[in-house]
PDB file of N, CA and C in Angstrom:
ATOM      1  N   MET A   1      -0.053 -16.109   0.593  1.00  0.00           N
ATOM      2  CA  MET A   1      -1.247 -15.329   0.901  1.00  0.00           C
ATOM      3  C   MET A   1      -2.363 -15.839   0.015  1.00  0.00           C
ATOM      4  N   THR A   2      -3.489 -16.113   0.585  1.00  0.00           N
ATOM      5  CA  THR A   2      -4.598 -16.670  -0.182  1.00  0.00           C
ATOM      6  C   THR A   2      -5.583 -15.614  -0.666  1.00  0.00           C
ATOM      7  N   ASP A   3      -5.441 -14.377  -0.203  1.00  0.00           N
ATOM      8  CA  ASP A   3      -6.367 -13.319  -0.604  1.00  0.00           C
ATOM      9  C   ASP A   3      -6.154 -12.965  -2.076  1.00  0.00           C
ATOM     10  N   GLU A   4      -7.211 -13.039  -2.873  1.00  0.00           N
ATOM     11  CA  GLU A   4      -7.097 -12.770  -4.306  1.00  0.00           C
ATOM     12  C   GLU A   4      -6.729 -11.320  -4.624  1.00  0.00           C
ATOM     13  N   ARG A   5      -6.912 -10.407  -3.678  1.00  0.00           N
ATOM     14  CA  ARG A   5      -6.587  -8.987  -3.893  1.00  0.00           C
ATOM     15  C   ARG A   5      -5.103  -8.719  -3.740  1.00  0.00           C
ATOM     16  N   TYR A   6      -4.389  -9.663  -3.186  1.00  0.00           N
ATOM     17  CA  TYR A   6      -2.987  -9.497  -2.834  1.00  0.00           C
ATOM     18  C   TYR A   6      -2.124  -9.020  -4.009  1.00  0.00           C
ATOM     19  N   GLY A   7      -1.528  -7.874  -3.875  1.00  0.00           N
ATOM     20  CA  GLY A   7      -0.588  -7.364  -4.869  1.00  0.00           C
ATOM     21  C   GLY A   7      -1.194  -6.765  -6.113  1.00  0.00           C
ATOM     22  N   LYS A   8      -2.482  -6.545  -6.149  1.00  0.00           N
ATOM     23  CA  LYS A   8      -3.131  -6.035  -7.346  1.00  0.00           C
ATOM     24  C   LYS A   8      -3.164  -4.504  -7.349  1.00  0.00           C
ATOM     25  N   CYS A   9      -3.137  -3.941  -8.546  1.00  0.00           N
ATOM     26  CA  CYS A   9      -3.107  -2.489  -8.686  1.00  0.00           C
ATOM     27  C   CYS A   9      -4.345  -1.805  -8.087  1.00  0.00           C
ATOM     28  N   ASP A  10      -5.481  -2.469  -8.103  1.00  0.00           N
ATOM     29  CA  ASP A  10      -6.686  -1.805  -7.619  1.00  0.00           C
ATOM     30  C   ASP A  10      -6.748  -1.648  -6.108  1.00  0.00           C
ATOM     31  N   VAL A  11      -5.766  -2.191  -5.384  1.00  0.00           N
ATOM     32  CA  VAL A  11      -5.697  -1.961  -3.942  1.00  0.00           C
ATOM     33  C   VAL A  11      -4.426  -1.192  -3.552  1.00  0.00           C
ATOM     34  N   CYS A  12      -3.678  -0.759  -4.539  1.00  0.00           N
ATOM     35  CA  CYS A  12      -2.427  -0.041  -4.268  1.00  0.00           C
ATOM     36  C   CYS A  12      -2.699   1.456  -4.122  1.00  0.00           C
ATOM     37  N   ARG A  13      -2.119   2.074  -3.092  1.00  0.00           N
ATOM     38  CA  ARG A  13      -2.345   3.499  -2.889  1.00  0.00           C
ATOM     39  C   ARG A  13      -1.619   4.353  -3.921  1.00  0.00           C
ATOM     40  N   TYR A  14      -0.725   3.760  -4.701  1.00  0.00           N
ATOM     41  CA  TYR A  14      -0.011   4.497  -5.739  1.00  0.00           C
ATOM     42  C   TYR A  14      -0.711   4.422  -7.090  1.00  0.00           C
ATOM     43  N   CYS A  15      -1.803   3.693  -7.191  1.00  0.00           N
ATOM     44  CA  CYS A  15      -2.549   3.609  -8.439  1.00  0.00           C
ATOM     45  C   CYS A  15      -3.799   4.470  -8.340  1.00  0.00           C
ATOM     46  N   VAL A  16      -4.070   5.212  -9.399  1.00  0.00           N
ATOM     47  CA  VAL A  16      -5.257   6.062  -9.458  1.00  0.00           C
ATOM     48  C   VAL A  16      -6.087   5.642 -10.648  1.00  0.00           C
ATOM     49  N   HIS A  17      -7.379   5.937 -10.578  1.00  0.00           N
ATOM     50  CA  HIS A  17      -8.221   5.547 -11.699  1.00  0.00           C
ATOM     51  C   HIS A  17      -9.356   6.528 -11.930  1.00  0.00           C
ATOM     52  N   SER A  18      -9.824   6.526 -13.153  1.00  0.00           N
ATOM     53  CA  SER A  18     -11.013   7.247 -13.563  1.00  0.00           C
ATOM     54  C   SER A  18     -11.816   6.273 -14.389  1.00  0.00           C
ATOM     55  N   ASP A  19     -12.944   5.842 -13.860  1.00  0.00           N
ATOM     56  CA  ASP A  19     -13.747   4.800 -14.501  1.00  0.00           C
ATOM     57  C   ASP A  19     -12.893   3.543 -14.688  1.00  0.00           C
ATOM     58  N   GLU A  20     -12.694   3.113 -15.925  1.00  0.00           N
ATOM     59  CA  GLU A  20     -11.926   1.896 -16.191  1.00  0.00           C
ATOM     60  C   GLU A  20     -10.448   2.167 -16.482  1.00  0.00           C
ATOM     61  N   ASP A  21     -10.034   3.416 -16.486  1.00  0.00           N
ATOM     62  CA  ASP A  21      -8.644   3.768 -16.791  1.00  0.00           C
ATOM     63  C   ASP A  21      -7.833   3.856 -15.498  1.00  0.00           C
ATOM     64  N   TRP A  22      -6.748   3.057 -15.439  1.00  0.00           N
ATOM     65  CA  TRP A  22      -5.888   3.014 -14.265  1.00  0.00           C
ATOM     66  C   TRP A  22      -4.490   3.486 -14.632  1.00  0.00           C
ATOM     67  N   ALA A  23      -3.819   4.153 -13.693  1.00  0.00           N
ATOM     68  CA  ALA A  23      -2.443   4.604 -13.919  1.00  0.00           C
ATOM     69  C   ALA A  23      -1.630   4.402 -12.652  1.00  0.00           C
ATOM     70  N   CYS A  24      -0.394   3.966 -12.825  1.00  0.00           N
ATOM     71  CA  CYS A  24       0.552   3.797 -11.727  1.00  0.00           C
ATOM     72  C   CYS A  24       1.322   5.088 -11.541  1.00  0.00           C
ATOM     73  N   MET A  25       1.268   5.666 -10.351  1.00  0.00           N
ATOM     74  CA  MET A  25       1.951   6.923 -10.084  1.00  0.00           C
ATOM     75  C   MET A  25       3.447   6.717  -9.841  1.00  0.00           C
ATOM     76  N   ILE A  26       3.866   5.498  -9.537  1.00  0.00           N
ATOM     77  CA  ILE A  26       5.288   5.218  -9.336  1.00  0.00           C
ATOM     78  C   ILE A  26       5.998   5.166 -10.684  1.00  0.00           C
ATOM     79  N   ASN A  27       5.413   4.402 -11.617  1.00  0.00           N
ATOM     80  CA  ASN A  27       6.061   4.193 -12.911  1.00  0.00           C
ATOM     81  C   ASN A  27       5.548   5.107 -14.017  1.00  0.00           C
ATOM     82  N   ASN A  28       4.537   5.925 -13.727  1.00  0.00           N
ATOM     83  CA  ASN A  28       3.943   6.792 -14.746  1.00  0.00           C
ATOM     84  C   ASN A  28       3.472   5.998 -15.962  1.00  0.00           C
ATOM     85  N   LYS A  29       2.808   4.871 -15.699  1.00  0.00           N
ATOM     86  CA  LYS A  29       2.350   4.010 -16.791  1.00  0.00           C
ATOM     87  C   LYS A  29       0.886   3.652 -16.603  1.00  0.00           C
ATOM     88  N   VAL A  30       0.240   3.340 -17.717  1.00  0.00           N
ATOM     89  CA  VAL A  30      -1.123   2.848 -17.690  1.00  0.00           C
ATOM     90  C   VAL A  30      -1.075   1.383 -17.244  1.00  0.00           C
ATOM     91  N   VAL A  31      -1.977   1.011 -16.346  1.00  0.00           N
ATOM     92  CA  VAL A  31      -2.047  -0.362 -15.851  1.00  0.00           C
ATOM     93  C   VAL A  31      -3.495  -0.834 -15.896  1.00  0.00           C
ATOM     94  N   SER A  32      -3.673  -2.109 -15.671  1.00  0.00           N
ATOM     95  CA  SER A  32      -5.027  -2.628 -15.520  1.00  0.00           C
ATOM     96  C   SER A  32      -5.284  -2.842 -14.035  1.00  0.00           C
ATOM     97  N   ALA A  33      -6.546  -2.848 -13.642  1.00  0.00           N
ATOM     98  CA  ALA A  33      -6.899  -2.933 -12.228  1.00  0.00           C
ATOM     99  C   ALA A  33      -6.394  -4.213 -11.567  1.00  0.00           C
ATOM    100  N   LYS A  34      -6.353  -5.300 -12.289  1.00  0.00           N
ATOM    101  CA  LYS A  34      -5.957  -6.593 -11.713  1.00  0.00           C
ATOM    102  C   LYS A  34      -4.509  -6.949 -11.989  1.00  0.00           C
ATOM    103  N   GLN A  35      -3.756  -6.008 -12.540  1.00  0.00           N
ATOM    104  CA  GLN A  35      -2.339  -6.234 -12.801  1.00  0.00           C
ATOM    105  C   GLN A  35      -1.569  -6.290 -11.486  1.00  0.00           C
ATOM    106  N   SER A  36      -0.494  -7.062 -11.451  1.00  0.00           N
ATOM    107  CA  SER A  36       0.369  -7.129 -10.279  1.00  0.00           C
ATOM    108  C   SER A  36       1.603  -6.277 -10.508  1.00  0.00           C
ATOM    109  N   CYS A  37       2.062  -5.660  -9.449  1.00  0.00           N
ATOM    110  CA  CYS A  37       3.196  -4.738  -9.551  1.00  0.00           C
ATOM    111  C   CYS A  37       4.478  -5.375  -9.036  1.00  0.00           C
ATOM    112  N   PRO A  38       5.570  -5.282  -9.791  1.00  0.00           N
ATOM    113  CA  PRO A  38       6.844  -5.826  -9.303  1.00  0.00           C
ATOM    114  C   PRO A  38       7.417  -5.046  -8.131  1.00  0.00           C
ATOM    115  N   ARG A  39       6.946  -3.806  -7.907  1.00  0.00           N
ATOM    116  CA  ARG A  39       7.430  -3.003  -6.784  1.00  0.00           C
ATOM    117  C   ARG A  39       6.634  -3.260  -5.518  1.00  0.00           C
ATOM    118  N   TYR A  40       5.618  -4.086  -5.622  1.00  0.00           N
ATOM    119  CA  TYR A  40       4.726  -4.322  -4.488  1.00  0.00           C
ATOM    120  C   TYR A  40       5.470  -5.003  -3.346  1.00  0.00           C
ATOM    121  N   ARG A  41       5.486  -4.389  -2.189  1.00  0.00           N
ATOM    122  CA  ARG A  41       6.143  -4.948  -1.002  1.00  0.00           C
ATOM    123  C   ARG A  41       5.079  -5.114   0.066  1.00  0.00           C
ATOM    124  N   PRO A  42       4.489  -6.273   0.182  1.00  0.00           N
ATOM    125  CA  PRO A  42       3.345  -6.437   1.066  1.00  0.00           C
ATOM    126  C   PRO A  42       3.637  -6.128   2.527  1.00  0.00           C
ATOM    127  N   GLY A  43       2.814  -5.285   3.082  1.00  0.00           N
ATOM    128  CA  GLY A  43       2.873  -4.998   4.503  1.00  0.00           C
ATOM    129  C   GLY A  43       3.936  -4.018   4.953  1.00  0.00           C
ATOM    130  N   CYS A  44       4.758  -3.494   4.046  1.00  0.00           N
ATOM    131  CA  CYS A  44       5.816  -2.600   4.506  1.00  0.00           C
ATOM    132  C   CYS A  44       5.307  -1.175   4.634  1.00  0.00           C
ATOM    133  N   CYS A  45       5.934  -0.408   5.503  1.00  0.00           N
ATOM    134  CA  CYS A  45       5.527   0.958   5.775  1.00  0.00           C
ATOM    135  C   CYS A  45       5.535   1.834   4.527  1.00  0.00           C
ATOM    136  N   GLU A  46       6.430   1.547   3.597  1.00  0.00           N
ATOM    137  CA  GLU A  46       6.526   2.334   2.376  1.00  0.00           C
ATOM    138  C   GLU A  46       5.209   2.326   1.603  1.00  0.00           C
ATOM    139  N   ASN A  47       4.452   1.233   1.671  1.00  0.00           N
ATOM    140  CA  ASN A  47       3.198   1.132   0.945  1.00  0.00           C
ATOM    141  C   ASN A  47       1.969   1.287   1.826  1.00  0.00           C
ATOM    142  N   CYS A  48       2.148   1.722   3.050  1.00  0.00           N
ATOM    143  CA  CYS A  48       1.021   1.807   3.994  1.00  0.00           C
ATOM    144  C   CYS A  48       0.374   3.178   3.955  1.00  0.00           C
ATOM    145  N   SER A  49      -0.956   3.195   3.877  1.00  0.00           N
ATOM    146  CA  SER A  49      -1.669   4.463   3.852  1.00  0.00           C
ATOM    147  C   SER A  49      -1.689   5.145   5.228  1.00  0.00           C
ATOM    148  N   HIS A  50      -1.271   4.432   6.278  1.00  0.00           N
ATOM    149  CA  HIS A  50      -1.237   5.011   7.617  1.00  0.00           C
ATOM    150  C   HIS A  50       0.126   5.593   7.964  1.00  0.00           C
ATOM    151  N   ALA A  51       1.125   5.344   7.138  1.00  0.00           N
ATOM    152  CA  ALA A  51       2.471   5.838   7.424  1.00  0.00           C
ATOM    153  C   ALA A  51       2.683   7.209   6.802  1.00  0.00           C
ATOM    154  N   THR A  52       3.386   8.062   7.525  1.00  0.00           N
ATOM    155  CA  THR A  52       3.805   9.355   6.998  1.00  0.00           C
ATOM    156  C   THR A  52       5.292   9.221   6.681  1.00  0.00           C
ATOM    157  N   ILE A  53       5.638   9.473   5.421  1.00  0.00           N
ATOM    158  CA  ILE A  53       7.023   9.286   4.999  1.00  0.00           C
ATOM    159  C   ILE A  53       7.570  10.607   4.464  1.00  0.00           C
ATOM    160  N   GLU A  54       8.664  11.054   5.061  1.00  0.00           N
ATOM    161  CA  GLU A  54       9.314  12.284   4.637  1.00  0.00           C
ATOM    162  C   GLU A  54      10.814  12.064   4.639  1.00  0.00           C
ATOM    163  N   PHE A  55      11.447  12.340   3.506  1.00  0.00           N
ATOM    164  CA  PHE A  55      12.892  12.250   3.376  1.00  0.00           C
ATOM    165  C   PHE A  55      13.437  10.889   3.812  1.00  0.00           C
ATOM    166  N   GLY A  56      12.710   9.820   3.473  1.00  0.00           N
ATOM    167  CA  GLY A  56      13.168   8.464   3.766  1.00  0.00           C
ATOM    168  C   GLY A  56      12.896   7.999   5.185  1.00  0.00           C
ATOM    169  N   ASN A  57      12.301   8.851   6.011  1.00  0.00           N
ATOM    170  CA  ASN A  57      11.953   8.478   7.380  1.00  0.00           C
ATOM    171  C   ASN A  57      10.453   8.247   7.463  1.00  0.00           C
ATOM    172  N   ALA A  58      10.032   7.244   8.216  1.00  0.00           N
ATOM    173  CA  ALA A  58       8.613   6.919   8.340  1.00  0.00           C
ATOM    174  C   ALA A  58       8.156   7.034   9.777  1.00  0.00           C
ATOM    175  N   VAL A  59       6.921   7.493   9.940  1.00  0.00           N
ATOM    176  CA  VAL A  59       6.264   7.514  11.237  1.00  0.00           C
ATOM    177  C   VAL A  59       4.939   6.771  11.077  1.00  0.00           C
ATOM    178  N   CYS A  60       4.701   5.814  11.944  1.00  0.00           N
ATOM    179  CA  CYS A  60       3.476   5.040  11.894  1.00  0.00           C
ATOM    180  C   CYS A  60       2.302   5.878  12.375  1.00  0.00           C
ATOM    181  N   GLY A  61       1.247   5.950  11.573  1.00  0.00           N
ATOM    182  CA  GLY A  61       0.055   6.713  11.939  1.00  0.00           C
ATOM    183  C   GLY A  61      -0.783   6.019  12.982  1.00  0.00           C
ATOM    184  N   ILE A  62      -0.542   4.731  13.192  1.00  0.00           N
ATOM    185  CA  ILE A  62      -1.323   3.980  14.186  1.00  0.00           C
ATOM    186  C   ILE A  62      -0.668   4.096  15.562  1.00  0.00           C
ATOM    187  N   THR A  63       0.644   3.803  15.611  1.00  0.00           N
ATOM    188  CA  THR A  63       1.351   3.848  16.900  1.00  0.00           C
ATOM    189  C   THR A  63       1.949   5.215  17.192  1.00  0.00           C
ATOM    190  N   LYS A  64       2.085   6.061  16.166  1.00  0.00           N
ATOM    191  CA  LYS A  64       2.706   7.398  16.266  1.00  0.00           C
ATOM    192  C   LYS A  64       4.196   7.318  16.546  1.00  0.00           C
ATOM    193  N   GLN A  65       4.798   6.144  16.321  1.00  0.00           N
ATOM    194  CA  GLN A  65       6.221   5.934  16.582  1.00  0.00           C
ATOM    195  C   GLN A  65       7.007   5.938  15.284  1.00  0.00           C
ATOM    196  N   PRO A  66       8.275   6.410  15.319  1.00  0.00           N
ATOM    197  CA  PRO A  66       9.127   6.297  14.139  1.00  0.00           C
ATOM    198  C   PRO A  66       9.331   4.822  13.792  1.00  0.00           C
ATOM    199  N   THR A  67       9.455   4.534  12.534  1.00  0.00           N
ATOM    200  CA  THR A  67       9.646   3.160  12.097  1.00  0.00           C
ATOM    201  C   THR A  67      10.514   3.142  10.853  1.00  0.00           C
ATOM    202  N   ASP A  68      11.023   1.988  10.526  1.00  0.00           N
ATOM    203  CA  ASP A  68      11.810   1.829   9.315  1.00  0.00           C
ATOM    204  C   ASP A  68      10.863   1.764   8.127  1.00  0.00           C
ATOM    205  N   ILE A  69      11.222   2.416   7.037  1.00  0.00           N
ATOM    206  CA  ILE A  69      10.349   2.475   5.860  1.00  0.00           C
ATOM    207  C   ILE A  69      10.064   1.095   5.278  1.00  0.00           C
ATOM    208  N   LEU A  70      10.960   0.121   5.488  1.00  0.00           N
ATOM    209  CA  LEU A  70      10.748  -1.228   4.986  1.00  0.00           C
ATOM    210  C   LEU A  70      10.245  -2.188   6.054  1.00  0.00           C
ATOM    211  N   ASN A  71       9.887  -1.657   7.221  1.00  0.00           N
ATOM    212  CA  ASN A  71       9.333  -2.494   8.274  1.00  0.00           C
ATOM    213  C   ASN A  71       8.015  -3.108   7.813  1.00  0.00           C
ATOM    214  N   VAL A  72       7.742  -4.341   8.214  1.00  0.00           N
ATOM    215  CA  VAL A  72       6.498  -5.008   7.858  1.00  0.00           C
ATOM    216  C   VAL A  72       5.585  -5.008   9.069  1.00  0.00           C
ATOM    217  N   CYS A  73       4.371  -4.515   8.898  1.00  0.00           N
ATOM    218  CA  CYS A  73       3.446  -4.293   9.994  1.00  0.00           C
ATOM    219  C   CYS A  73       2.584  -5.528  10.269  1.00  0.00           C
ATOM    220  N   ASP A  74       2.333  -5.790  11.552  1.00  0.00           N
ATOM    221  CA  ASP A  74       1.482  -6.922  11.893  1.00  0.00           C
ATOM    222  C   ASP A  74      -0.008  -6.599  11.709  1.00  0.00           C
ATOM    223  N   LYS A  75      -0.343  -5.346  11.397  1.00  0.00           N
ATOM    224  CA  LYS A  75      -1.725  -4.975  11.129  1.00  0.00           C
ATOM    225  C   LYS A  75      -2.004  -4.918   9.622  1.00  0.00           C
ATOM    226  N   TYR A  76      -1.097  -5.453   8.832  1.00  0.00           N
ATOM    227  CA  TYR A  76      -1.225  -5.401   7.379  1.00  0.00           C
ATOM    228  C   TYR A  76      -2.484  -6.081   6.849  1.00  0.00           C
ATOM    229  N   ASP A  77      -3.122  -5.422   5.919  1.00  0.00           N
ATOM    230  CA  ASP A  77      -4.289  -5.933   5.206  1.00  0.00           C
ATOM    231  C   ASP A  77      -4.056  -5.636   3.726  1.00  0.00           C
ATOM    232  N   PRO A  78      -4.345  -6.539   2.822  1.00  0.00           N
ATOM    233  CA  PRO A  78      -4.060  -6.289   1.400  1.00  0.00           C
ATOM    234  C   PRO A  78      -4.779  -5.086   0.813  1.00  0.00           C
ATOM    235  N   CYS A  79      -5.833  -4.632   1.448  1.00  0.00           N
ATOM    236  CA  CYS A  79      -6.538  -3.434   0.961  1.00  0.00           C
ATOM    237  C   CYS A  79      -6.065  -2.166   1.657  1.00  0.00           C
ATOM    238  N   GLY A  80      -5.074  -2.264   2.526  1.00  0.00           N
ATOM    239  CA  GLY A  80      -4.549  -1.091   3.188  1.00  0.00           C
ATOM    240  C   GLY A  80      -5.444  -0.529   4.283  1.00  0.00           C
ATOM    241  N   ARG A  81      -6.377  -1.353   4.767  1.00  0.00           N
ATOM    242  CA  ARG A  81      -7.266  -0.886   5.815  1.00  0.00           C
ATOM    243  C   ARG A  81      -6.958  -1.636   7.118  1.00  0.00           C
ATOM    244  N   LEU A  82      -7.345  -1.034   8.230  1.00  0.00           N
ATOM    245  CA  LEU A  82      -7.237  -1.729   9.509  1.00  0.00           C
ATOM    246  C   LEU A  82      -8.305  -2.795   9.572  1.00  0.00           C
ATOM    247  N   SER A  83      -8.046  -3.823  10.341  1.00  0.00           N
ATOM    248  CA  SER A  83      -9.088  -4.820  10.530  1.00  0.00           C
ATOM    249  C   SER A  83     -10.192  -4.234  11.404  1.00  0.00           C
ATOM    250  N   LEU A  84     -11.340  -4.861  11.417  1.00  0.00           N
ATOM    251  CA  LEU A  84     -12.454  -4.361  12.221  1.00  0.00           C
ATOM    252  C   LEU A  84     -12.104  -4.332  13.702  1.00  0.00           C
ATOM    253  N   ASN A  85     -11.217  -5.233  14.131  1.00  0.00           N
ATOM    254  CA  ASN A  85     -10.824  -5.283  15.529  1.00  0.00           C
ATOM    255  C   ASN A  85      -9.970  -4.100  15.948  1.00  0.00           C
ATOM    256  N   ASP A  86      -9.349  -3.417  14.977  1.00  0.00           N
ATOM    257  CA  ASP A  86      -8.437  -2.322  15.282  1.00  0.00           C
ATOM    258  C   ASP A  86      -9.109  -0.952  15.265  1.00  0.00           C
ATOM    259  N   GLN A  87     -10.386  -0.909  14.912  1.00  0.00           N
ATOM    260  CA  GLN A  87     -11.032   0.394  14.788  1.00  0.00           C
ATOM    261  C   GLN A  87     -11.770   0.798  16.021  1.00  0.00           C
TER     262      GLN A  87
END
């Protein structure tokens, strides 16, 4: 992947920040915005902001269909957004 944002904490939905202070909600640790996460699984439903995950089951918010939590989506974007063509 050539995108420089790929795998960085500042595009992860599990990282929160206040000004320059970043924290990982998965590991309960302080991180930096440009740090890379070893748990990062690019494109999988587990890390998708469009997926609804309950008790290990995932439902795609785009297709509204059940999916595997580790499924990799063809609409994946490193910032977790849909492409302009999908909106």
